[in-house]
Amino acid sequence: GTFALSKTYQDAPVPGLRVVGLGRVVLPLDKKSAQKLIGVCKLAPFGKGERTIVDKNVRDTWELAPEKVSFDNRHWDSWLKTTVIPYVNRQLGVSAIARCELYKLLVYEKGSHFLPHQDTEKAKGMFGTVIIVLPSAFEGGQLHMSHSGQTKIFDIAEDSEFCTSVMAWYSDVRHEVKPITSGYRLALSYNLITPTGSPRPGLSDHSQIVAEVRHVLMSWRQNFAQSTPDKLAYILDHKYSSFGIGSGVLKGADAQKVEILRSLAKECRFKIYLASAELHVSGGADGYDSDEGCAGGMAYVNEKDLTIENVVDLDGEDAEFADEDLVLQNPDDFIPHALDAGEPDNEENEGYTGNVG
């Protein structure tokens, strides 16, 4: 799975947010409501060693304790449990049935920010954070994430007024909230927690692998010549249906590899796609059983033809490529094992024909 994710929902339910001492908070959040909300909040502290301190130069955000927050819409919790958390678990590669627990309500105004930091464990079993940004118009506030040499930037401001965005990451991830340049951002911070007795999910350190792949990609770009291939291909470990393929359906190590490549491709200015590789092998059979209508095996090979098709981007959207652009110059250089090892997916046999009179 990935170390951090972001997803914007156009159809998220309105939570019916209610705050003690203020009443119902109408969304999208406007300036008047934001200022009233700030009036019942306090400046958010941060951890430094064993101390918890307030320093607006490091963190300039308003917070409200969870016991002062409630949701009138009963569908809100249902949406979290059936839509948000399952999606977050899949993307983070979490096998345990994690739950989320409201930690704070956060309000960001112009100038609000949080310098690079890692989350501390705020509850037993906590392994990550989920931030849900409720409809509120603002600009700026990009979230910069980094782990094991990989980086991600989440910018959700464009659709913030009428949409709900979810961002989540492992606690090990270093992240920074850039300053809000205008407007107000209203967010709910949840702790991601594993069930009692379950091992706490964690991230592997891929920094060495990331550094090596980055070096390869940059060398490829900087030393590109006419004889240099303009595309590379890699066969994933699992077999996937050509229907509905995208990064969200990848399994295990495949998902980790593609996630690393996704981050580096953006950094090094490459494009990455998923596709189906199909190998057609024709030749002569060992023998033909006229009763069964099948051949015993292939005695010799006349021809092998590798085709690349069903090309999509990592979101599963079709990519437009001409057929000639999908031809690999030296396919054996990119395919680490024989595709014709093992049983074929489909087999066609033609029996012997008699003499034509």
Protein backbone atom coordinates (compact mmCIF):
# COMPACT_ATOMS: atom_id res chain seq x y z
CA GLY A 1 0.00 0.00 0.00
CA THR A 2 0.87 3.66 -0.09
CA PHE A 3 2.21 5.77 2.79
CA ALA A 4 -0.31 8.59 2.26
CA LEU A 5 -3.46 9.20 0.25
CA SER A 6 -5.95 11.88 -0.72
CA LYS A 7 -9.46 11.57 -2.17
CA THR A 8 -12.15 14.19 -2.78
CA TYR A 9 -15.85 13.26 -2.56
CA GLN A 10 -18.56 15.25 -4.31
CA ASP A 11 -21.36 13.21 -2.74
CA ALA A 12 -20.30 12.99 0.91
CA PRO A 13 -23.15 13.45 3.41
CA VAL A 14 -23.45 16.71 5.32
CA PRO A 15 -22.38 15.81 8.87
CA GLY A 16 -24.79 18.09 10.71
CA LEU A 17 -21.85 19.43 12.70
CA ARG A 18 -22.84 20.71 16.14
CA VAL A 19 -20.48 22.50 18.56
CA VAL A 20 -21.08 23.03 22.28
CA GLY A 21 -21.67 26.73 22.97
CA LEU A 22 -22.25 27.49 19.30
CA GLY A 23 -24.94 25.17 17.98
CA ARG A 24 -25.20 23.89 14.41
CA VAL A 25 -22.36 24.91 12.09
CA VAL A 26 -23.69 25.54 8.59
CA LEU A 27 -21.61 24.30 5.65
CA PRO A 28 -19.95 25.47 3.47
CA LEU A 29 -18.27 27.40 6.28
CA ASP A 30 -18.49 31.17 5.79
CA LYS A 31 -16.38 33.93 7.35
CA LYS A 32 -18.87 34.80 10.09
CA SER A 33 -19.30 31.17 11.19
CA ALA A 34 -15.55 30.59 11.02
CA GLN A 35 -14.84 33.49 13.35
CA LYS A 36 -17.50 32.31 15.81
CA LEU A 37 -15.98 28.84 15.70
CA ILE A 38 -12.49 30.20 16.37
CA GLY A 39 -13.99 32.02 19.36
CA VAL A 40 -14.69 28.70 21.13
CA CYS A 41 -11.41 27.06 20.08
CA LYS A 42 -7.89 27.28 21.50
CA LEU A 43 -4.50 27.39 19.80
CA ALA A 44 -3.31 23.89 18.95
CA PRO A 45 -0.11 22.76 20.68
CA PHE A 46 2.50 20.33 19.37
CA GLY A 47 4.92 17.87 20.91
CA LYS A 48 8.61 18.65 21.33
CA GLY A 49 10.47 15.88 23.09
CA GLU A 50 8.59 15.19 26.31
CA ARG A 51 6.93 18.62 26.28
CA THR A 52 3.71 19.87 24.70
CA ILE A 53 4.04 23.53 23.76
CA VAL A 54 2.28 26.29 21.83
CA ASP A 55 4.36 28.25 19.32
CA LYS A 56 2.60 29.99 16.43
CA ASN A 57 5.88 30.06 14.49
CA VAL A 58 5.76 26.26 14.33
CA ARG A 59 2.02 25.57 14.38
CA ASP A 60 -0.66 28.19 13.91
CA THR A 61 -3.97 26.31 14.05
CA TRP A 62 -7.14 26.41 16.17
CA GLU A 63 -8.50 23.23 17.75
CA LEU A 64 -11.54 21.99 19.62
CA ALA A 65 -11.74 18.85 21.80
CA PRO A 66 -13.88 15.94 20.51
CA GLU A 67 -16.28 15.99 23.47
CA LYS A 68 -17.46 19.42 22.28
CA VAL A 69 -18.30 18.12 18.81
CA SER A 70 -21.26 16.01 17.67
CA PHE A 71 -22.98 15.10 14.40
CA ASP A 72 -26.73 15.37 13.92
CA ASN A 73 -26.72 13.35 10.69
CA ARG A 74 -26.72 9.64 11.59
CA HIS A 75 -25.51 8.84 8.07
CA TRP A 76 -22.18 10.55 8.80
CA ASP A 77 -20.80 7.74 10.98
CA SER A 78 -22.18 5.18 8.56
CA TRP A 79 -20.35 6.88 5.67
CA LEU A 80 -17.12 6.84 7.65
CA LYS A 81 -17.44 3.13 8.47
CA THR A 82 -18.64 1.86 5.08
CA THR A 83 -16.89 4.21 2.64
CA VAL A 84 -13.98 6.16 4.09
CA ILE A 85 -12.26 3.69 6.41
CA PRO A 86 -12.43 0.68 4.02
CA TYR A 87 -10.92 2.86 1.27
CA VAL A 88 -8.19 4.16 3.59
CA ASN A 89 -7.37 0.63 4.76
CA ARG A 90 -7.07 -0.64 1.18
CA GLN A 91 -4.87 2.22 0.06
CA LEU A 92 -2.58 1.98 3.09
CA GLY A 93 -2.39 -1.80 2.71
CA VAL A 94 -3.86 -2.51 6.14
CA SER A 95 -5.22 -6.04 6.58
CA ALA A 96 -6.64 -5.51 10.09
CA ILE A 97 -10.09 -3.94 10.46
CA ALA A 98 -8.97 -0.52 11.62
CA ARG A 99 -11.35 2.03 13.09
CA CYS A 100 -11.17 5.80 13.38
CA GLU A 101 -11.61 7.86 16.52
CA LEU A 102 -12.29 11.61 16.47
CA TYR A 103 -9.30 13.43 17.93
CA LYS A 104 -9.83 17.15 17.24
CA LEU A 105 -11.78 19.66 15.19
CA LEU A 106 -9.32 21.99 13.45
CA VAL A 107 -9.82 25.48 12.02
CA TYR A 108 -7.22 27.09 9.78
CA GLU A 109 -7.37 30.80 8.93
CA LYS A 110 -5.13 32.95 6.75
CA GLY A 111 -1.52 32.28 7.75
CA SER A 112 -2.29 29.01 9.54
CA HIS A 113 0.40 26.38 8.99
CA PHE A 114 2.30 23.51 10.60
CA LEU A 115 6.04 23.02 10.01
CA PRO A 116 7.40 19.54 9.07
CA HIS A 117 6.72 16.96 11.78
CA GLN A 118 5.66 13.38 12.51
CA ASP A 119 2.52 12.47 14.43
CA THR A 120 2.90 11.11 17.94
CA GLU A 121 0.86 8.15 19.17
CA LYS A 122 -2.23 9.76 20.70
CA ALA A 123 -4.09 6.56 21.57
CA LYS A 124 -3.27 2.90 22.17
CA GLY A 125 -3.10 1.05 18.85
CA MET A 126 -2.87 4.25 16.79
CA PHE A 127 -0.89 3.82 13.58
CA GLY A 128 -2.09 6.66 11.38
CA THR A 129 -4.15 9.81 10.92
CA VAL A 130 -7.23 10.61 8.85
CA ILE A 131 -8.06 14.25 8.10
CA ILE A 132 -11.50 15.04 6.69
CA VAL A 133 -11.75 18.56 5.28
CA LEU A 134 -15.37 19.73 5.35
CA PRO A 135 -16.80 22.15 2.77
CA SER A 136 -15.00 25.45 3.36
CA ALA A 137 -13.52 27.85 0.81
CA PHE A 138 -9.80 28.51 1.13
CA GLU A 139 -6.59 28.79 -0.86
CA GLY A 140 -3.15 27.42 -0.04
CA GLY A 141 -2.71 24.87 2.73
CA GLN A 142 -1.00 22.23 0.58
CA LEU A 143 0.01 19.11 2.47
CA HIS A 144 3.59 17.97 1.76
CA MET A 145 4.32 14.33 2.66
CA SER A 146 7.63 12.43 2.64
CA HIS A 147 8.77 8.92 3.53
CA SER A 148 11.79 6.80 2.52
CA GLY A 149 12.82 9.25 -0.17
CA GLN A 150 9.33 9.50 -1.67
CA THR A 151 7.29 12.69 -1.67
CA LYS A 152 3.65 13.59 -2.25
CA ILE A 153 1.85 16.92 -2.36
CA PHE A 154 -1.90 17.11 -1.74
CA ASP A 155 -3.65 20.29 -2.87
CA ILE A 156 -7.41 20.15 -2.29
CA ALA A 157 -8.22 23.87 -2.24
CA GLU A 158 -9.76 24.05 -5.72
CA ASP A 159 -12.86 21.99 -4.82
CA SER A 160 -12.90 22.76 -1.11
CA GLU A 161 -16.01 24.95 -0.97
CA PHE A 162 -18.54 22.31 -2.00
CA CYS A 163 -16.68 18.99 -1.63
CA THR A 164 -15.38 16.89 1.24
CA SER A 165 -11.78 15.67 1.05
CA VAL A 166 -10.14 12.80 2.90
CA MET A 167 -6.39 12.60 3.50
CA ALA A 168 -4.70 9.83 5.46
CA TRP A 169 -1.18 8.70 6.28
CA TYR A 170 0.89 6.49 8.55
CA SER A 171 2.21 8.07 11.75
CA ASP A 172 5.80 7.52 10.54
CA VAL A 173 5.26 9.91 7.62
CA ARG A 174 6.84 13.35 7.88
CA HIS A 175 4.41 16.03 6.73
CA GLU A 176 3.95 19.78 6.56
CA VAL A 177 0.89 22.00 6.17
CA LYS A 178 1.75 25.02 4.05
CA PRO A 179 0.19 28.39 5.01
CA ILE A 180 -3.43 29.13 4.18
CA THR A 181 -3.32 32.16 1.88
CA SER A 182 -7.02 33.09 2.04
CA GLY A 183 -10.29 31.85 3.50
CA TYR A 184 -10.85 29.29 6.24
CA ARG A 185 -10.33 25.52 6.29
CA LEU A 186 -12.45 23.35 8.57
CA ALA A 187 -11.19 19.84 9.26
CA LEU A 188 -11.83 16.83 11.47
CA SER A 189 -8.78 14.91 12.67
CA TYR A 190 -9.23 11.19 13.40
CA ASN A 191 -6.81 8.66 14.84
CA LEU A 192 -6.54 5.38 12.91
CA ILE A 193 -6.55 2.55 15.45
CA THR A 194 -6.16 -1.23 15.14
CA PRO A 195 -8.31 -3.65 17.17
CA THR A 196 -7.01 -4.76 20.56
CA GLY A 197 -4.59 -7.65 20.15
CA SER A 198 -3.87 -6.96 16.47
CA PRO A 199 -0.32 -6.04 15.43
CA ARG A 200 0.07 -2.37 14.61
CA PRO A 201 0.60 -1.82 10.86
CA GLY A 202 3.79 -0.06 9.88
CA LEU A 203 5.79 1.13 6.91
CA SER A 204 8.86 -0.50 5.42
CA ASP A 205 11.95 1.57 4.74
CA HIS A 206 12.34 1.67 0.96
CA SER A 207 14.84 4.54 0.93
CA GLN A 208 17.65 2.50 -0.67
CA ILE A 209 15.35 1.13 -3.38
CA VAL A 210 13.91 4.58 -4.04
CA ALA A 211 17.40 6.09 -4.36
CA GLU A 212 18.47 3.40 -6.83
CA VAL A 213 15.35 3.71 -8.99
CA ARG A 214 15.64 7.51 -8.94
CA HIS A 215 19.25 7.21 -10.16
CA VAL A 216 18.17 4.91 -13.02
CA LEU A 217 15.36 7.22 -14.13
CA MET A 218 17.48 10.36 -13.98
CA SER A 219 20.34 8.66 -15.86
CA TRP A 220 17.86 7.54 -18.51
CA ARG A 221 16.55 11.08 -18.92
CA GLN A 222 19.92 12.84 -18.86
CA ASN A 223 21.66 10.42 -21.24
CA PHE A 224 18.79 9.92 -23.67
CA ALA A 225 19.93 9.30 -27.25
CA GLN A 226 18.34 8.09 -30.48
CA SER A 227 19.35 4.52 -29.69
CA THR A 228 17.91 4.71 -26.17
CA PRO A 229 14.48 3.06 -25.73
CA ASP A 230 11.72 5.58 -25.09
CA LYS A 231 9.71 3.21 -22.93
CA LEU A 232 10.34 0.51 -20.35
CA ALA A 233 8.03 -2.31 -19.28
CA TYR A 234 7.90 -4.51 -16.20
CA ILE A 235 5.78 -7.59 -15.59
CA LEU A 236 3.94 -7.53 -12.25
CA ASP A 237 3.83 -10.59 -10.01
CA HIS A 238 0.06 -11.13 -9.94
CA LYS A 239 -2.28 -11.76 -12.84
CA TYR A 240 -5.08 -9.20 -13.22
CA SER A 241 -8.19 -8.97 -15.34
CA SER A 242 -7.92 -6.50 -18.21
CA PHE A 243 -11.26 -5.08 -17.09
CA GLY A 244 -11.16 -2.41 -14.40
CA ILE A 245 -7.41 -2.42 -13.95
CA GLY A 246 -5.91 0.49 -12.01
CA SER A 247 -3.57 1.07 -9.09
CA GLY A 248 -6.45 0.49 -6.65
CA VAL A 249 -6.73 -3.22 -7.57
CA LEU A 250 -3.03 -4.07 -7.31
CA LYS A 251 -1.96 -6.57 -4.68
CA GLY A 252 0.93 -6.89 -2.25
CA ALA A 253 4.36 -6.16 -3.67
CA ASP A 254 2.83 -4.99 -6.96
CA ALA A 255 1.03 -2.16 -5.16
CA GLN A 256 4.24 -1.15 -3.37
CA LYS A 257 6.29 -1.13 -6.58
CA VAL A 258 3.75 0.94 -8.48
CA GLU A 259 3.41 3.37 -5.57
CA ILE A 260 7.18 3.96 -5.54
CA LEU A 261 7.19 4.42 -9.31
CA ARG A 262 4.18 6.77 -9.16
CA SER A 263 6.05 9.11 -6.81
CA LEU A 264 9.34 8.97 -8.72
CA ALA A 265 7.71 9.29 -12.14
CA LYS A 266 6.20 12.62 -11.12
CA GLU A 267 9.45 13.81 -9.58
CA CYS A 268 11.58 12.78 -12.58
CA ARG A 269 8.97 13.86 -15.17
CA PHE A 270 8.02 10.45 -16.54
CA LYS A 271 4.60 8.97 -17.22
CA ILE A 272 3.55 5.60 -15.83
CA TYR A 273 0.76 3.36 -17.11
CA LEU A 274 -0.70 -0.09 -16.53
CA ALA A 275 -1.44 -2.45 -19.41
CA SER A 276 -2.12 -6.06 -20.33
CA ALA A 277 0.71 -8.04 -21.93
CA GLU A 278 -0.51 -10.93 -24.08
CA LEU A 279 1.78 -13.52 -25.64
CA HIS A 280 0.56 -15.53 -28.65
CA VAL A 281 2.60 -18.67 -29.35
CA SER A 282 2.02 -20.83 -32.43
CA GLY A 283 3.69 -24.06 -33.44
CA GLY A 284 3.31 -27.78 -33.94
CA ALA A 285 1.75 -30.14 -31.41
CA ASP A 286 3.29 -33.30 -29.97
CA GLY A 287 0.29 -35.28 -31.09
CA TYR A 288 -3.40 -34.94 -31.83
CA ASP A 289 -6.10 -37.08 -30.26
CA SER A 290 -9.01 -37.22 -32.68
CA ASP A 291 -11.34 -38.62 -30.01
CA GLU A 292 -10.59 -35.91 -27.47
CA GLY A 293 -9.99 -33.21 -30.08
CA CYS A 294 -6.92 -31.87 -28.31
CA ALA A 295 -3.18 -31.84 -28.62
CA GLY A 296 -0.77 -33.33 -26.13
CA GLY A 297 1.57 -30.33 -26.07
CA MET A 298 3.70 -28.14 -28.31
CA ALA A 299 6.61 -29.92 -30.02
CA TYR A 300 8.07 -26.82 -31.65
CA VAL A 301 7.39 -23.10 -31.87
CA ASN A 302 6.88 -21.31 -35.15
CA GLU A 303 6.23 -17.83 -33.85
CA LYS A 304 5.87 -15.74 -30.70
CA ASP A 305 4.02 -12.44 -30.77
CA LEU A 306 3.84 -10.14 -27.71
CA THR A 307 1.15 -7.45 -27.71
CA ILE A 308 0.56 -4.62 -25.24
CA GLU A 309 -3.08 -3.56 -24.93
CA ASN A 310 -5.71 -2.12 -22.57
CA VAL A 311 -3.38 0.72 -21.52
CA VAL A 312 -4.68 2.88 -18.66
CA ASP A 313 -3.26 5.49 -16.31
CA LEU A 314 -3.00 4.71 -12.61
CA ASP A 315 -6.57 5.92 -12.05
CA GLY A 316 -7.84 3.36 -14.54
CA GLU A 317 -8.61 5.92 -17.27
CA ASP A 318 -7.94 4.86 -20.86
CA ALA A 319 -4.68 6.15 -22.34
CA GLU A 320 -4.62 6.99 -26.02
CA PHE A 321 -1.71 5.27 -27.76
CA ALA A 322 -1.26 4.35 -31.40
CA ASP A 323 -0.47 0.65 -31.98
CA GLU A 324 3.05 1.46 -33.15
CA ASP A 325 3.73 3.29 -29.88
CA LEU A 326 3.11 0.10 -27.92
CA VAL A 327 5.80 -1.97 -29.64
CA LEU A 328 8.80 -2.80 -27.44
CA GLN A 329 12.09 -2.75 -29.34
CA ASN A 330 13.66 -5.52 -27.27
CA PRO A 331 10.93 -7.09 -25.14
CA ASP A 332 13.29 -9.70 -23.67
CA ASP A 333 15.18 -6.87 -21.96
CA PHE A 334 12.13 -5.90 -19.92
CA ILE A 335 10.39 -9.18 -19.20
CA PRO A 336 12.29 -11.00 -16.45
CA HIS A 337 10.67 -14.39 -16.96
CA ALA A 338 9.05 -16.30 -19.80
CA LEU A 339 5.39 -15.47 -20.22
CA ASP A 340 4.85 -18.88 -21.79
CA ALA A 341 5.96 -20.74 -18.68
CA GLY A 342 3.12 -22.80 -17.24
CA GLU A 343 -0.31 -23.42 -18.66
CA PRO A 344 -1.74 -21.02 -21.28
CA ASP A 345 -4.81 -18.92 -20.51
CA ASN A 346 -6.42 -19.98 -23.79
CA GLU A 347 -5.55 -22.76 -26.20
CA GLU A 348 -6.68 -23.41 -29.76
CA ASN A 349 -5.88 -26.59 -31.69
CA GLU A 350 -6.45 -27.41 -35.33
CA GLY A 351 -6.63 -31.08 -36.30
CA TYR A 352 -4.93 -32.66 -39.29
CA THR A 353 -6.65 -32.17 -42.63
CA GLY A 354 -7.04 -34.85 -45.30
CA ASN A 355 -5.80 -34.55 -48.88
CA VAL A 356 -7.87 -32.29 -51.03
CA GLY A 357 -9.15 -34.15 -54.08
